[in-house]
């Protein structure tokens, strides 16, 4: 009985949720993709810098 009550309460709470619209989701995806690319480029440049520095030292 507790499981049934839990499921009913969960469904009731999910009906209260305000789901994001299509435009909000698209803009969030753009932000995530752009920030991922920027961080990847920065880490790649740092890696290149460190490898070049290690090759000069050794």
N, C-alpha and C. Protein backbone atom coordinates (compact mmCIF):
# COMPACT_ATOMS: atom_id res chain seq x y z
N UNK A 1 0.82 -1.19 0.00
CA UNK A 1 0.00 0.00 0.00
C UNK A 1 0.86 1.26 0.00
N UNK A 2 2.01 1.17 0.66
CA UNK A 2 2.89 2.34 0.70
C UNK A 2 3.44 2.65 -0.69
N UNK A 3 3.69 1.62 -1.46
CA UNK A 3 4.23 1.82 -2.81
C UNK A 3 3.20 2.51 -3.68
N UNK A 4 1.94 2.09 -3.58
CA UNK A 4 0.87 2.71 -4.37
C UNK A 4 0.72 4.17 -3.99
N UNK A 5 0.75 4.45 -2.70
CA UNK A 5 0.66 5.84 -2.23
C UNK A 5 1.83 6.68 -2.73
N UNK A 6 3.01 6.09 -2.68
CA UNK A 6 4.18 6.80 -3.17
C UNK A 6 4.06 7.13 -4.65
N UNK A 7 3.58 6.16 -5.44
CA UNK A 7 3.43 6.39 -6.87
C UNK A 7 2.38 7.48 -7.15
N UNK A 8 1.28 7.46 -6.43
CA UNK A 8 0.24 8.48 -6.62
C UNK A 8 0.78 9.87 -6.27
N UNK A 9 1.53 9.97 -5.18
CA UNK A 9 2.11 11.26 -4.79
C UNK A 9 3.15 11.71 -5.80
N UNK A 10 3.92 10.78 -6.32
CA UNK A 10 4.94 11.13 -7.31
C UNK A 10 4.30 11.67 -8.58
N UNK A 11 3.23 11.03 -9.02
CA UNK A 11 2.52 11.50 -10.22
C UNK A 11 1.92 12.86 -9.98
N UNK A 12 1.37 13.09 -8.79
CA UNK A 12 0.79 14.39 -8.46
C UNK A 12 1.87 15.48 -8.47
N UNK A 13 3.04 15.17 -7.95
CA UNK A 13 4.13 16.15 -7.95
C UNK A 13 4.63 16.43 -9.36
N UNK A 14 4.70 15.40 -10.20
CA UNK A 14 5.16 15.60 -11.57
C UNK A 14 4.20 16.46 -12.37
N UNK A 15 2.92 16.44 -12.02
CA UNK A 15 1.95 17.29 -12.70
C UNK A 15 2.15 18.76 -12.34
N UNK A 16 2.78 19.03 -11.21
CA UNK A 16 3.04 20.41 -10.76
C UNK A 16 4.28 21.01 -11.41
N UNK A 17 5.12 20.17 -11.97
CA UNK A 17 6.38 20.62 -12.54
C UNK A 17 6.13 21.49 -13.77
N UNK A 18 6.86 22.59 -13.86
CA UNK A 18 6.79 23.44 -15.04
C UNK A 18 7.95 23.03 -15.94
N UNK A 19 7.63 22.33 -17.02
CA UNK A 19 8.65 21.83 -17.92
C UNK A 19 9.12 22.95 -18.84
N UNK A 20 10.42 22.99 -19.17
CA UNK A 20 10.93 24.05 -20.05
C UNK A 20 10.38 23.91 -21.46
N UNK A 21 10.25 25.05 -22.11
CA UNK A 21 9.78 25.04 -23.48
C UNK A 21 10.89 24.69 -24.45
N UNK A 22 10.52 24.56 -25.71
CA UNK A 22 11.48 24.17 -26.74
C UNK A 22 12.60 25.19 -26.86
N UNK A 23 12.25 26.48 -26.82
CA UNK A 23 13.27 27.54 -26.95
C UNK A 23 14.26 27.50 -25.78
N UNK A 24 13.75 27.25 -24.57
CA UNK A 24 14.64 27.18 -23.41
C UNK A 24 15.61 26.00 -23.52
N UNK A 25 15.10 24.88 -23.98
CA UNK A 25 15.95 23.69 -24.12
C UNK A 25 17.01 23.92 -25.19
N UNK A 26 16.63 24.52 -26.31
CA UNK A 26 17.58 24.77 -27.39
C UNK A 26 18.67 25.74 -26.93
N UNK A 27 18.28 26.79 -26.22
CA UNK A 27 19.30 27.74 -25.75
C UNK A 27 20.22 27.10 -24.72
N UNK A 28 19.69 26.25 -23.87
CA UNK A 28 20.53 25.56 -22.88
C UNK A 28 21.51 24.61 -23.56
N UNK A 29 21.05 23.92 -24.58
CA UNK A 29 21.93 23.01 -25.32
C UNK A 29 23.05 23.79 -26.00
N UNK A 30 22.71 24.95 -26.56
CA UNK A 30 23.75 25.78 -27.20
C UNK A 30 24.80 26.21 -26.19
N UNK A 31 24.36 26.62 -25.01
CA UNK A 31 25.31 27.05 -23.98
C UNK A 31 26.22 25.90 -23.58
N UNK A 32 25.66 24.71 -23.40
CA UNK A 32 26.46 23.55 -23.00
C UNK A 32 27.46 23.18 -24.09
N UNK A 33 27.01 23.16 -25.34
CA UNK A 33 27.92 22.80 -26.44
C UNK A 33 29.05 23.81 -26.59
N UNK A 34 28.72 25.09 -26.54
CA UNK A 34 29.75 26.13 -26.70
C UNK A 34 30.74 26.08 -25.55
N UNK A 35 30.24 25.94 -24.32
CA UNK A 35 31.16 25.90 -23.18
C UNK A 35 32.02 24.64 -23.22
N UNK A 36 31.48 23.53 -23.69
CA UNK A 36 32.26 22.30 -23.81
C UNK A 36 33.39 22.47 -24.82
N UNK A 37 33.09 23.08 -25.95
CA UNK A 37 34.12 23.30 -26.97
C UNK A 37 35.19 24.25 -26.44
N UNK A 38 34.78 25.31 -25.76
CA UNK A 38 35.75 26.28 -25.22
C UNK A 38 36.68 25.60 -24.21
N UNK A 39 36.12 24.82 -23.30
CA UNK A 39 36.94 24.13 -22.30
C UNK A 39 37.86 23.11 -22.97
N UNK A 40 37.37 22.41 -23.99
CA UNK A 40 38.20 21.43 -24.69
C UNK A 40 39.38 22.12 -25.38
N UNK A 41 39.13 23.26 -26.00
CA UNK A 41 40.21 23.99 -26.67
C UNK A 41 41.24 24.47 -25.65
N UNK A 42 40.77 25.00 -24.53
CA UNK A 42 41.70 25.49 -23.50
C UNK A 42 42.55 24.33 -22.96
N UNK A 43 41.90 23.20 -22.66
CA UNK A 43 42.66 22.05 -22.16
C UNK A 43 43.63 21.50 -23.22
N UNK A 44 43.22 21.51 -24.47
CA UNK A 44 44.11 21.07 -25.54
C UNK A 44 45.32 21.97 -25.67
N UNK A 45 45.11 23.27 -25.58
CA UNK A 45 46.24 24.21 -25.65
C UNK A 45 47.18 24.06 -24.46
N UNK A 46 46.60 23.86 -23.27
CA UNK A 46 47.44 23.64 -22.09
C UNK A 46 48.24 22.35 -22.23
N UNK A 47 47.62 21.31 -22.74
CA UNK A 47 48.32 20.04 -22.95
C UNK A 47 49.47 20.22 -23.94
N UNK A 48 49.19 20.92 -25.02
CA UNK A 48 50.23 21.18 -26.02
C UNK A 48 51.38 21.98 -25.41
N UNK A 49 51.04 22.95 -24.61
CA UNK A 49 52.06 23.77 -23.94
C UNK A 49 52.92 22.92 -23.02
N UNK A 50 52.30 22.08 -22.22
CA UNK A 50 53.06 21.24 -21.29
C UNK A 50 53.91 20.20 -22.02
N UNK A 51 53.38 19.61 -23.07
CA UNK A 51 54.15 18.62 -23.84
C UNK A 51 55.35 19.29 -24.50
N UNK A 52 55.14 20.45 -25.06
CA UNK A 52 56.24 21.18 -25.69
C UNK A 52 57.30 21.56 -24.65
N UNK A 53 56.84 21.98 -23.47
CA UNK A 53 57.79 22.31 -22.40
C UNK A 53 58.57 21.11 -21.93
N UNK A 54 57.91 19.97 -21.82
CA UNK A 54 58.61 18.76 -21.40
C UNK A 54 59.60 18.30 -22.46
N UNK A 55 59.25 18.45 -23.74
CA UNK A 55 60.17 18.07 -24.80
C UNK A 55 61.41 18.97 -24.82
N UNK A 56 61.24 20.23 -24.46
CA UNK A 56 62.38 21.14 -24.41
C UNK A 56 63.30 20.80 -23.22
N UNK A 57 62.71 20.40 -22.11
CA UNK A 57 63.49 20.08 -20.91
C UNK A 57 64.19 18.75 -21.07
N UNK A 58 63.50 17.76 -21.59
CA UNK A 58 64.08 16.41 -21.68
C UNK A 58 64.45 16.17 -23.09
